[in-house]
PDB file of N, CA and C in Angstrom:
ATOM      1  N   UNK A   1       0.854  -0.931   0.345  1.00  0.00           N
ATOM      2  CA  UNK A   1      -0.062   0.025  -0.002  1.00  0.00           C
ATOM      3  C   UNK A   1       0.838   1.097   0.187  1.00  0.00           C
ATOM      4  N   UNK A   2       0.061   2.208  -0.070  1.00  0.00           N
ATOM      5  CA  UNK A   2       0.830   3.668  -1.225  1.00  0.00           C
ATOM      6  C   UNK A   2       0.702   4.530  -0.836  1.00  0.00           C
ATOM      7  N   UNK A   3       0.990   5.731  -0.365  1.00  0.00           N
ATOM      8  CA  UNK A   3      -0.233   6.770  -0.045  1.00  0.00           C
ATOM      9  C   UNK A   3      -0.996   7.399  -1.658  1.00  0.00           C
ATOM     10  N   UNK A   4      -2.170   7.679  -1.668  1.00  0.00           N
ATOM     11  CA  UNK A   4      -3.208   7.677  -2.331  1.00  0.00           C
ATOM     12  C   UNK A   4      -4.255   6.516  -2.110  1.00  0.00           C
ATOM     13  N   UNK A   5      -3.902   5.596  -2.360  1.00  0.00           N
ATOM     14  CA  UNK A   5      -4.301   3.799  -1.804  1.00  0.00           C
ATOM     15  C   UNK A   5      -5.992   4.438  -0.694  1.00  0.00           C
ATOM     16  N   UNK A   6      -7.061   3.543  -1.818  1.00  0.00           N
ATOM     17  CA  UNK A   6      -8.207   3.759  -1.271  1.00  0.00           C
ATOM     18  C   UNK A   6      -7.787   1.742  -0.355  1.00  0.00           C
ATOM     19  N   UNK A   7      -8.483   1.975   1.401  1.00  0.00           N
ATOM     20  CA  UNK A   7      -8.395   0.881   1.916  1.00  0.00           C
ATOM     21  C   UNK A   7      -9.606   0.014   2.309  1.00  0.00           C
ATOM     22  N   UNK A   8     -10.151  -0.525   1.483  1.00  0.00           N
ATOM     23  CA  UNK A   8     -11.366  -0.914   1.653  1.00  0.00           C
ATOM     24  C   UNK A   8     -11.791  -2.055   3.249  1.00  0.00           C
ATOM     25  N   UNK A   9     -12.879  -2.468   4.513  1.00  0.00           N
ATOM     26  CA  UNK A   9     -12.586  -2.797   5.357  1.00  0.00           C
ATOM     27  C   UNK A   9     -13.843  -2.564   6.511  1.00  0.00           C
ATOM     28  N   UNK A  10     -14.265  -4.444   6.866  1.00  0.00           N
ATOM     29  CA  UNK A  10     -15.896  -4.716   6.860  1.00  0.00           C
ATOM     30  C   UNK A  10     -15.332  -5.098   8.074  1.00  0.00           C
ATOM     31  N   UNK A  11     -15.298  -4.528   9.425  1.00  0.00           N
ATOM     32  CA  UNK A  11     -15.970  -5.155  10.750  1.00  0.00           C
ATOM     33  C   UNK A  11     -17.205  -5.622  10.728  1.00  0.00           C
ATOM     34  N   UNK A  12     -16.774  -7.100  11.080  1.00  0.00           N
ATOM     35  CA  UNK A  12     -18.513  -7.741  11.564  1.00  0.00           C
ATOM     36  C   UNK A  12     -18.633  -8.529  12.936  1.00  0.00           C
ATOM     37  N   UNK A  13     -19.664  -7.829  13.589  1.00  0.00           N
ATOM     38  CA  UNK A  13     -19.625  -7.885  14.822  1.00  0.00           C
ATOM     39  C   UNK A  13     -21.361  -8.981  15.390  1.00  0.00           C
ATOM     40  N   UNK A  14     -20.615 -10.028  15.934  1.00  0.00           N
ATOM     41  CA  UNK A  14     -21.640 -11.249  16.092  1.00  0.00           C
ATOM     42  C   UNK A  14     -21.363 -11.717  17.770  1.00  0.00           C
ATOM     43  N   UNK A  15     -22.956 -12.117  17.827  1.00  0.00           N
ATOM     44  CA  UNK A  15     -22.414 -12.072  19.269  1.00  0.00           C
ATOM     45  C   UNK A  15     -23.066 -13.516  20.042  1.00  0.00           C
ATOM     46  N   UNK A  16     -21.738 -13.835  20.182  1.00  0.00           N
ATOM     47  CA  UNK A  16     -21.601 -15.654  19.942  1.00  0.00           C
ATOM     48  C   UNK A  16     -22.163 -16.019  21.441  1.00  0.00           C
ATOM     49  N   UNK A  17     -22.731 -15.323  22.031  1.00  0.00           N
ATOM     50  CA  UNK A  17     -23.646 -15.958  23.387  1.00  0.00           C
ATOM     51  C   UNK A  17     -24.686 -16.598  23.521  1.00  0.00           C
ATOM     52  N   UNK A  18     -25.648 -17.080  24.400  1.00  0.00           N
ATOM     53  CA  UNK A  18     -26.872 -16.677  24.108  1.00  0.00           C
ATOM     54  C   UNK A  18     -27.743 -16.273  24.830  1.00  0.00           C
ATOM     55  N   UNK A  19     -26.720 -15.267  25.485  1.00  0.00           N
ATOM     56  CA  UNK A  19     -27.735 -14.247  25.579  1.00  0.00           C
ATOM     57  C   UNK A  19     -28.156 -12.739  24.340  1.00  0.00           C
ATOM     58  N   UNK A  20     -28.766 -12.491  24.639  1.00  0.00           N
ATOM     59  CA  UNK A  20     -28.818 -10.542  24.151  1.00  0.00           C
ATOM     60  C   UNK A  20     -27.770 -10.086  24.620  1.00  0.00           C
ATOM     61  N   UNK A  21     -27.349  -9.443  23.301  1.00  0.00           N
ATOM     62  CA  UNK A  21     -26.191  -7.745  24.025  1.00  0.00           C
ATOM     63  C   UNK A  21     -26.809  -6.687  24.062  1.00  0.00           C
ATOM     64  N   UNK A  22     -26.833  -5.756  25.627  1.00  0.00           N
ATOM     65  CA  UNK A  22     -27.148  -4.801  24.937  1.00  0.00           C
ATOM     66  C   UNK A  22     -26.330  -3.832  26.003  1.00  0.00           C
ATOM     67  N   UNK A  23     -26.736  -2.559  25.379  1.00  0.00           N
ATOM     68  CA  UNK A  23     -25.902  -1.375  25.734  1.00  0.00           C
ATOM     69  C   UNK A  23     -24.823  -1.237  25.035  1.00  0.00           C
ATOM     70  N   UNK A  24     -24.883  -2.360  23.677  1.00  0.00           N
ATOM     71  CA  UNK A  24     -23.499  -1.612  23.233  1.00  0.00           C
ATOM     72  C   UNK A  24     -22.550  -0.875  22.333  1.00  0.00           C
ATOM     73  N   UNK A  25     -21.280  -0.364  22.433  1.00  0.00           N
ATOM     74  CA  UNK A  25     -20.910   1.300  22.092  1.00  0.00           C
ATOM     75  C   UNK A  25     -19.568   0.563  21.336  1.00  0.00           C
ATOM     76  N   UNK A  26     -19.658   0.729  20.046  1.00  0.00           N
ATOM     77  CA  UNK A  26     -18.316   0.587  19.092  1.00  0.00           C
ATOM     78  C   UNK A  26     -17.889   1.091  18.500  1.00  0.00           C
ATOM     79  N   UNK A  27     -16.550   1.929  18.519  1.00  0.00           N
ATOM     80  CA  UNK A  27     -15.953   2.492  18.212  1.00  0.00           C
ATOM     81  C   UNK A  27     -14.099   2.291  17.289  1.00  0.00           C
ATOM     82  N   UNK A  28     -13.706   2.679  16.492  1.00  0.00           N
ATOM     83  CA  UNK A  28     -12.723   2.438  15.281  1.00  0.00           C
ATOM     84  C   UNK A  28     -12.280   3.699  14.576  1.00  0.00           C
ATOM     85  N   UNK A  29     -10.894   3.760  16.138  1.00  0.00           N
ATOM     86  CA  UNK A  29     -10.506   5.164  15.347  1.00  0.00           C
ATOM     87  C   UNK A  29     -10.219   5.377  13.850  1.00  0.00           C
ATOM     88  N   UNK A  30      -9.519   6.176  13.296  1.00  0.00           N
ATOM     89  CA  UNK A  30      -8.723   6.237  12.409  1.00  0.00           C
ATOM     90  C   UNK A  30      -7.455   6.155  12.752  1.00  0.00           C
ATOM     91  N   UNK A  31      -6.254   5.131  11.861  1.00  0.00           N
ATOM     92  CA  UNK A  31      -4.722   5.052  12.354  1.00  0.00           C
ATOM     93  C   UNK A  31      -4.901   6.203  11.577  1.00  0.00           C
ATOM     94  N   UNK A  32      -3.840   6.163  12.852  1.00  0.00           N
ATOM     95  CA  UNK A  32      -2.575   7.111  11.984  1.00  0.00           C
ATOM     96  C   UNK A  32      -1.740   6.704  11.207  1.00  0.00           C
ATOM     97  N   UNK A  33      -1.968   7.770   9.791  1.00  0.00           N
ATOM     98  CA  UNK A  33      -1.553   7.457   8.449  1.00  0.00           C
ATOM     99  C   UNK A  33      -2.385   7.583   7.339  1.00  0.00           C
ATOM    100  N   UNK A  34      -3.458   7.693   7.828  1.00  0.00           N
ATOM    101  CA  UNK A  34      -4.901   7.722   6.987  1.00  0.00           C
ATOM    102  C   UNK A  34      -5.750   8.518   7.289  1.00  0.00           C
ATOM    103  N   UNK A  35      -7.130   9.159   6.900  1.00  0.00           N
ATOM    104  CA  UNK A  35      -8.103   9.615   6.853  1.00  0.00           C
ATOM    105  C   UNK A  35      -9.668   8.767   6.218  1.00  0.00           C
ATOM    106  N   UNK A  36     -10.254   8.725   7.227  1.00  0.00           N
ATOM    107  CA  UNK A  36     -11.137   7.903   6.142  1.00  0.00           C
ATOM    108  C   UNK A  36     -12.215   8.792   5.002  1.00  0.00           C
ATOM    109  N   UNK A  37     -13.428   8.331   4.080  1.00  0.00           N
ATOM    110  CA  UNK A  37     -13.466   9.276   3.333  1.00  0.00           C
ATOM    111  C   UNK A  37     -14.701   8.700   3.591  1.00  0.00           C
ATOM    112  N   UNK A  38     -15.130  10.409   3.238  1.00  0.00           N
ATOM    113  CA  UNK A  38     -16.339  10.681   4.190  1.00  0.00           C
ATOM    114  C   UNK A  38     -17.552   9.974   3.116  1.00  0.00           C
ATOM    115  N   UNK A  39     -18.384   9.627   3.847  1.00  0.00           N
ATOM    116  CA  UNK A  39     -19.707   9.502   2.976  1.00  0.00           C
ATOM    117  C   UNK A  39     -19.196   7.754   3.354  1.00  0.00           C
ATOM    118  N   UNK A  40     -18.306   7.030   3.448  1.00  0.00           N
ATOM    119  CA  UNK A  40     -18.769   5.837   3.047  1.00  0.00           C
ATOM    120  C   UNK A  40     -18.484   4.694   4.226  1.00  0.00           C
ATOM    121  N   UNK A  41     -18.817   5.485   5.229  1.00  0.00           N
ATOM    122  CA  UNK A  41     -19.487   4.435   6.356  1.00  0.00           C
ATOM    123  C   UNK A  41     -20.916   4.080   6.002  1.00  0.00           C
ATOM    124  N   UNK A  42     -20.922   2.714   6.369  1.00  0.00           N
ATOM    125  CA  UNK A  42     -22.086   1.367   5.751  1.00  0.00           C
ATOM    126  C   UNK A  42     -22.378  -0.039   7.194  1.00  0.00           C
ATOM    127  N   UNK A  43     -23.453  -0.093   8.213  1.00  0.00           N
ATOM    128  CA  UNK A  43     -23.755  -0.844   8.578  1.00  0.00           C
ATOM    129  C   UNK A  43     -24.897  -1.261   7.787  1.00  0.00           C
ATOM    130  N   UNK A  44     -24.187  -2.322   7.598  1.00  0.00           N
ATOM    131  CA  UNK A  44     -25.368  -3.673   6.967  1.00  0.00           C
ATOM    132  C   UNK A  44     -26.291  -2.708   5.666  1.00  0.00           C
ATOM    133  N   UNK A  45     -25.465  -2.905   4.616  1.00  0.00           N
ATOM    134  CA  UNK A  45     -25.527  -1.744   3.868  1.00  0.00           C
ATOM    135  C   UNK A  45     -26.642  -0.716   3.758  1.00  0.00           C
ATOM    136  N   UNK A  46     -26.377  -0.208   4.812  1.00  0.00           N
ATOM    137  CA  UNK A  46     -26.766   1.422   4.791  1.00  0.00           C
ATOM    138  C   UNK A  46     -26.010   2.378   5.768  1.00  0.00           C
ATOM    139  N   UNK A  47     -26.322   3.764   4.056  1.00  0.00           N
ATOM    140  CA  UNK A  47     -24.918   4.521   5.070  1.00  0.00           C
ATOM    141  C   UNK A  47     -25.603   4.785   6.427  1.00  0.00           C
ATOM    142  N   UNK A  48     -23.920   4.942   7.690  1.00  0.00           N
ATOM    143  CA  UNK A  48     -23.886   5.795   8.654  1.00  0.00           C
ATOM    144  C   UNK A  48     -23.976   6.420   8.986  1.00  0.00           C
ATOM    145  N   UNK A  49     -23.344   7.007   9.877  1.00  0.00           N
ATOM    146  CA  UNK A  49     -23.134   8.183  10.641  1.00  0.00           C
ATOM    147  C   UNK A  49     -21.945   8.129  11.192  1.00  0.00           C
ATOM    148  N   UNK A  50     -21.073   9.021  10.935  1.00  0.00           N
ATOM    149  CA  UNK A  50     -19.384   8.769  10.527  1.00  0.00           C
ATOM    150  C   UNK A  50     -18.646   9.195  11.881  1.00  0.00           C
ATOM    151  N   UNK A  51     -19.451  10.795  12.655  1.00  0.00           N
ATOM    152  CA  UNK A  51     -17.931  10.740  13.464  1.00  0.00           C
ATOM    153  C   UNK A  51     -18.095   9.901  14.854  1.00  0.00           C
ATOM    154  N   UNK A  52     -19.558   8.973  15.483  1.00  0.00           N
ATOM    155  CA  UNK A  52     -19.799   8.727  16.771  1.00  0.00           C
ATOM    156  C   UNK A  52     -19.188   7.844  16.075  1.00  0.00           C
ATOM    157  N   UNK A  53     -18.856   6.550  14.919  1.00  0.00           N
ATOM    158  CA  UNK A  53     -17.954   5.931  14.622  1.00  0.00           C
ATOM    159  C   UNK A  53     -16.884   5.436  14.977  1.00  0.00           C
ATOM    160  N   UNK A  54     -16.020   7.212  14.101  1.00  0.00           N
ATOM    161  CA  UNK A  54     -13.746   7.159  14.035  1.00  0.00           C
ATOM    162  C   UNK A  54     -14.054   7.791  15.790  1.00  0.00           C
ATOM    163  N   UNK A  55     -15.077   8.921  16.201  1.00  0.00           N
ATOM    164  CA  UNK A  55     -14.698   9.590  17.479  1.00  0.00           C
ATOM    165  C   UNK A  55     -15.444   8.231  18.752  1.00  0.00           C
ATOM    166  N   UNK A  56     -15.960   9.409  19.519  1.00  0.00           N
ATOM    167  CA  UNK A  56     -16.572   8.407  20.495  1.00  0.00           C
ATOM    168  C   UNK A  56     -17.180   7.188  21.061  1.00  0.00           C
ATOM    169  N   UNK A  57     -18.006   6.429  19.720  1.00  0.00           N
ATOM    170  CA  UNK A  57     -18.362   5.396  19.500  1.00  0.00           C
ATOM    171  C   UNK A  57     -19.900   5.755  18.948  1.00  0.00           C
ATOM    172  N   UNK A  58     -20.740   4.329  17.911  1.00  0.00           N
ATOM    173  CA  UNK A  58     -21.423   4.763  17.911  1.00  0.00           C
ATOM    174  C   UNK A  58     -22.011   3.160  18.895  1.00  0.00           C
ATOM    175  N   UNK A  59     -23.289   3.583  19.391  1.00  0.00           N
ATOM    176  CA  UNK A  59     -24.382   2.839  19.640  1.00  0.00           C
ATOM    177  C   UNK A  59     -25.453   1.886  19.246  1.00  0.00           C
ATOM    178  N   UNK A  60     -25.071   0.348  19.996  1.00  0.00           N
ATOM    179  CA  UNK A  60     -26.537  -0.556  19.196  1.00  0.00           C
ATOM    180  C   UNK A  60     -27.069  -1.317  19.423  1.00  0.00           C
ATOM    181  N   UNK A  61     -27.845  -1.007  19.571  1.00  0.00           N
ATOM    182  CA  UNK A  61     -30.036  -1.521  19.543  1.00  0.00           C
ATOM    183  C   UNK A  61     -28.952  -2.929  20.838  1.00  0.00           C
ATOM    184  N   UNK A  62     -29.957  -3.098  21.079  1.00  0.00           N
ATOM    185  CA  UNK A  62     -29.906  -5.045  21.324  1.00  0.00           C
ATOM    186  C   UNK A  62     -29.370  -5.548  20.340  1.00  0.00           C
ATOM    187  N   UNK A  63     -28.549  -6.841  20.181  1.00  0.00           N
ATOM    188  CA  UNK A  63     -27.788  -8.115  19.575  1.00  0.00           C
ATOM    189  C   UNK A  63     -28.035  -9.196  20.537  1.00  0.00           C
ATOM    190  N   UNK A  64     -29.243  -9.438  19.246  1.00  0.00           N
ATOM    191  CA  UNK A  64     -29.689 -10.455  19.706  1.00  0.00           C
ATOM    192  C   UNK A  64     -28.709 -12.424  19.675  1.00  0.00           C
ATOM    193  N   UNK A  65     -28.862 -13.416  20.233  1.00  0.00           N
ATOM    194  CA  UNK A  65     -27.684 -14.827  20.091  1.00  0.00           C
ATOM    195  C   UNK A  65     -28.003 -15.177  18.661  1.00  0.00           C
ATOM    196  N   UNK A  66     -26.363 -14.647  18.688  1.00  0.00           N
ATOM    197  CA  UNK A  66     -26.400 -16.180  16.982  1.00  0.00           C
ATOM    198  C   UNK A  66     -26.263 -14.883  15.656  1.00  0.00           C
ATOM    199  N   UNK A  67     -27.013 -13.480  16.232  1.00  0.00           N
ATOM    200  CA  UNK A  67     -27.226 -12.113  15.579  1.00  0.00           C
ATOM    201  C   UNK A  67     -26.145 -11.191  14.992  1.00  0.00           C
ATOM    202  N   UNK A  68     -26.634 -11.005  14.278  1.00  0.00           N
ATOM    203  CA  UNK A  68     -24.774 -10.123  13.464  1.00  0.00           C
ATOM    204  C   UNK A  68     -24.655  -9.148  13.205  1.00  0.00           C
ATOM    205  N   UNK A  69     -23.920  -7.933  12.378  1.00  0.00           N
ATOM    206  CA  UNK A  69     -24.598  -6.182  12.489  1.00  0.00           C
ATOM    207  C   UNK A  69     -22.402  -7.003  11.821  1.00  0.00           C
ATOM    208  N   UNK A  70     -22.954  -6.037  10.175  1.00  0.00           N
ATOM    209  CA  UNK A  70     -21.559  -5.706   9.865  1.00  0.00           C
ATOM    210  C   UNK A  70     -21.522  -4.086   9.270  1.00  0.00           C
ATOM    211  N   UNK A  71     -20.519  -3.803   9.335  1.00  0.00           N
ATOM    212  CA  UNK A  71     -20.076  -2.099   9.333  1.00  0.00           C
ATOM    213  C   UNK A  71     -18.611  -2.326   7.954  1.00  0.00           C
ATOM    214  N   UNK A  72     -18.794  -1.412   7.201  1.00  0.00           N
ATOM    215  CA  UNK A  72     -17.924  -1.594   6.047  1.00  0.00           C
ATOM    216  C   UNK A  72     -17.109   0.070   5.785  1.00  0.00           C
ATOM    217  N   UNK A  73     -15.979   0.211   5.507  1.00  0.00           N
ATOM    218  CA  UNK A  73     -16.063   1.853   5.479  1.00  0.00           C
ATOM    219  C   UNK A  73     -14.350   1.891   4.403  1.00  0.00           C
ATOM    220  N   UNK A  74     -13.476   2.529   3.948  1.00  0.00           N
ATOM    221  CA  UNK A  74     -13.085   3.504   3.148  1.00  0.00           C
ATOM    222  C   UNK A  74     -11.752   4.156   3.783  1.00  0.00           C
ATOM    223  N   UNK A  75     -10.399   4.021   4.008  1.00  0.00           N
ATOM    224  CA  UNK A  75     -10.213   4.701   4.414  1.00  0.00           C
ATOM    225  C   UNK A  75      -8.217   5.052   3.100  1.00  0.00           C
ATOM    226  N   UNK A  76      -8.042   6.071   3.183  1.00  0.00           N
ATOM    227  CA  UNK A  76      -7.310   7.198   2.376  1.00  0.00           C
ATOM    228  C   UNK A  76      -5.727   7.062   3.152  1.00  0.00           C
ATOM    229  N   UNK A  77      -4.660   6.064   2.093  1.00  0.00           N
ATOM    230  CA  UNK A  77      -3.320   6.122   2.575  1.00  0.00           C
ATOM    231  C   UNK A  77      -2.928   7.405   2.585  1.00  0.00           C
ATOM    232  N   UNK A  78      -2.314   7.439   3.571  1.00  0.00           N
ATOM    233  CA  UNK A  78      -1.133   9.014   3.628  1.00  0.00           C
ATOM    234  C   UNK A  78      -0.021   9.013   3.349  1.00  0.00           C
ATOM    235  N   UNK A  79       1.464   9.426   4.079  1.00  0.00           N
ATOM    236  CA  UNK A  79       2.345   9.768   3.760  1.00  0.00           C
ATOM    237  C   UNK A  79       2.268   9.110   4.820  1.00  0.00           C
ATOM    238  N   UNK A  80       3.839   8.867   4.930  1.00  0.00           N
ATOM    239  CA  UNK A  80       4.290   7.687   6.432  1.00  0.00           C
ATOM    240  C   UNK A  80       4.967   6.200   5.476  1.00  0.00           C
ATOM    241  N   UNK A  81       5.651   5.702   7.032  1.00  0.00           N
ATOM    242  CA  UNK A  81       6.214   4.111   6.416  1.00  0.00           C
ATOM    243  C   UNK A  81       5.851   3.281   7.094  1.00  0.00           C
ATOM    244  N   UNK A  82       5.320   3.969   9.333  1.00  0.00           N
ATOM    245  CA  UNK A  82       4.638   3.062  10.134  1.00  0.00           C
ATOM    246  C   UNK A  82       3.324   2.031   9.526  1.00  0.00           C
ATOM    247  N   UNK A  83       3.211   0.963   9.483  1.00  0.00           N
ATOM    248  CA  UNK A  83       1.851   0.523   9.342  1.00  0.00           C
ATOM    249  C   UNK A  83       0.176   1.077  10.210  1.00  0.00           C
ATOM    250  N   UNK A  84      -0.537   1.135   8.627  1.00  0.00           N
ATOM    251  CA  UNK A  84      -1.701   1.218   9.184  1.00  0.00           C
ATOM    252  C   UNK A  84      -2.558   0.478  11.199  1.00  0.00           C
ATOM    253  N   UNK A  85      -2.265   1.085  11.916  1.00  0.00           N
ATOM    254  CA  UNK A  85      -2.770  -0.592  13.212  1.00  0.00           C
ATOM    255  C   UNK A  85      -4.482   0.533  13.652  1.00  0.00           C
ATOM    256  N   UNK A  86      -5.263  -0.388  12.788  1.00  0.00           N
ATOM    257  CA  UNK A  86      -6.561   0.584  13.197  1.00  0.00           C
ATOM    258  C   UNK A  86      -6.596  -1.195  14.570  1.00  0.00           C
ATOM    259  N   UNK A  87      -8.119   0.130  15.613  1.00  0.00           N
ATOM    260  CA  UNK A  87      -7.846  -0.806  17.225  1.00  0.00           C
ATOM    261  C   UNK A  87      -9.810  -0.762  17.356  1.00  0.00           C
ATOM    262  N   UNK A  88     -10.180  -1.700  16.655  1.00  0.00           N
ATOM    263  CA  UNK A  88     -11.274  -1.538  17.427  1.00  0.00           C
ATOM    264  C   UNK A  88     -11.982  -1.402  18.793  1.00  0.00           C
ATOM    265  N   UNK A  89     -12.190  -0.652  19.076  1.00  0.00           N
ATOM    266  CA  UNK A  89     -13.514  -0.899  20.731  1.00  0.00           C
ATOM    267  C   UNK A  89     -14.499  -1.218  21.187  1.00  0.00           C
ATOM    268  N   UNK A  90     -15.249  -1.814  22.174  1.00  0.00           N
ATOM    269  CA  UNK A  90     -16.051  -2.076  21.901  1.00  0.00           C
ATOM    270  C   UNK A  90     -16.433  -2.458  23.858  1.00  0.00           C
ATOM    271  N   UNK A  91     -17.542  -2.096  24.310  1.00  0.00           N
ATOM    272  CA  UNK A  91     -17.593  -1.818  25.018  1.00  0.00           C
ATOM    273  C   UNK A  91     -19.541  -2.119  25.627  1.00  0.00           C
ATOM    274  N   UNK A  92     -19.679  -2.718  26.373  1.00  0.00           N
ATOM    275  CA  UNK A  92     -20.676  -3.331  27.008  1.00  0.00           C
ATOM    276  C   UNK A  92     -21.491  -3.073  28.370  1.00  0.00           C
ATOM    277  N   UNK A  93     -22.568  -2.832  28.260  1.00  0.00           N
ATOM    278  CA  UNK A  93     -23.335  -2.341  29.871  1.00  0.00           C
ATOM    279  C   UNK A  93     -22.886  -3.699  30.730  1.00  0.00           C
ATOM    280  N   UNK A  94     -23.247  -4.452  30.875  1.00  0.00           N
ATOM    281  CA  UNK A  94     -23.074  -5.896  31.416  1.00  0.00           C
ATOM    282  C   UNK A  94     -22.645  -6.749  30.949  1.00  0.00           C
ATOM    283  N   UNK A  95     -22.019  -6.640  30.275  1.00  0.00           N
ATOM    284  CA  UNK A  95     -21.897  -7.974  29.345  1.00  0.00           C
ATOM    285  C   UNK A  95     -20.254  -7.812  28.349  1.00  0.00           C
ATOM    286  N   UNK A  96     -19.219  -9.050  29.227  1.00  0.00           N
ATOM    287  CA  UNK A  96     -18.405  -9.136  28.829  1.00  0.00           C
ATOM    288  C   UNK A  96     -17.993  -8.755  27.134  1.00  0.00           C
ATOM    289  N   UNK A  97     -17.139  -8.460  27.037  1.00  0.00           N
ATOM    290  CA  UNK A  97     -16.259  -8.397  25.370  1.00  0.00           C
ATOM    291  C   UNK A  97     -14.879  -8.929  25.171  1.00  0.00           C
ATOM    292  N   UNK A  98     -15.053  -9.833  24.096  1.00  0.00           N
ATOM    293  CA  UNK A  98     -13.510 -10.298  23.247  1.00  0.00           C
ATOM    294  C   UNK A  98     -13.933 -10.380  22.542  1.00  0.00           C
ATOM    295  N   UNK A  99     -13.162  -9.856  21.432  1.00  0.00           N
ATOM    296  CA  UNK A  99     -12.428 -10.433  19.782  1.00  0.00           C
ATOM    297  C   UNK A  99     -12.274  -8.827  19.875  1.00  0.00           C
ATOM    298  N   UNK A 100     -12.292  -8.564  20.126  1.00  0.00           N
ATOM    299  CA  UNK A 100     -12.131  -6.991  19.322  1.00  0.00           C
ATOM    300  C   UNK A 100     -10.214  -6.622  19.117  1.00  0.00           C
ATOM    301  N   UNK A 101      -9.580  -7.302  18.459  1.00  0.00           N
ATOM    302  CA  UNK A 101      -8.125  -7.627  18.592  1.00  0.00           C
ATOM    303  C   UNK A 101      -7.526  -6.668  17.104  1.00  0.00           C
ATOM    304  N   UNK A 102      -6.815  -6.030  17.209  1.00  0.00           N
ATOM    305  CA  UNK A 102      -5.785  -4.293  16.876  1.00  0.00           C
ATOM    306  C   UNK A 102      -5.413  -5.655  15.737  1.00  0.00           C
ATOM    307  N   UNK A 103      -6.090  -4.168  14.817  1.00  0.00           N
ATOM    308  CA  UNK A 103      -4.851  -4.998  13.303  1.00  0.00           C
ATOM    309  C   UNK A 103      -3.928  -4.270  12.517  1.00  0.00           C
ATOM    310  N   UNK A 104      -3.157  -4.107  12.151  1.00  0.00           N
ATOM    311  CA  UNK A 104      -1.938  -3.697  11.397  1.00  0.00           C
ATOM    312  C   UNK A 104      -1.459  -4.121   9.865  1.00  0.00           C
ATOM    313  N   UNK A 105      -1.813  -3.478   9.344  1.00  0.00           N
ATOM    314  CA  UNK A 105      -1.950  -3.081   8.268  1.00  0.00           C
ATOM    315  C   UNK A 105       0.231  -2.886   7.762  1.00  0.00           C
ATOM    316  N   UNK A 106       0.333  -3.160   6.956  1.00  0.00           N
ATOM    317  CA  UNK A 106       2.520  -3.285   6.432  1.00  0.00           C
ATOM    318  C   UNK A 106       2.041  -2.439   5.139  1.00  0.00           C
ATOM    319  N   UNK A 107       2.984  -1.548   5.440  1.00  0.00           N
ATOM    320  CA  UNK A 107       2.813  -0.607   3.678  1.00  0.00           C
ATOM    321  C   UNK A 107       3.917  -1.147   2.710  1.00  0.00           C
ATOM    322  N   UNK A 108       4.221  -1.163   1.439  1.00  0.00           N
ATOM    323  CA  UNK A 108       4.322  -1.592   0.726  1.00  0.00           C
ATOM    324  C   UNK A 108       5.974  -1.901   0.890  1.00  0.00           C
TER     325      UNK A 108
END
């Protein structure tokens, strides 16, 4: 990847438990060395509000057992040598959350 390249990213959130998940907040800060392309955030194929997703977090309605929700967005690669490091963050009101691991994308 080089400056000017556009990356398309997808994050799928699934409730793998037997209980509904309530009070979820999901945030994926834009990594250093990239910028989010305006108008390119979708949740379940519907355009979504960008500010909260890349900032303080998007509140999600209850996620039933086995249910999934998907987010897709685009990033513009900027100048730099360090890999892009995406760090999804998810919080739950009374639910333990696991699986939001950092993703590192190397530059060419």
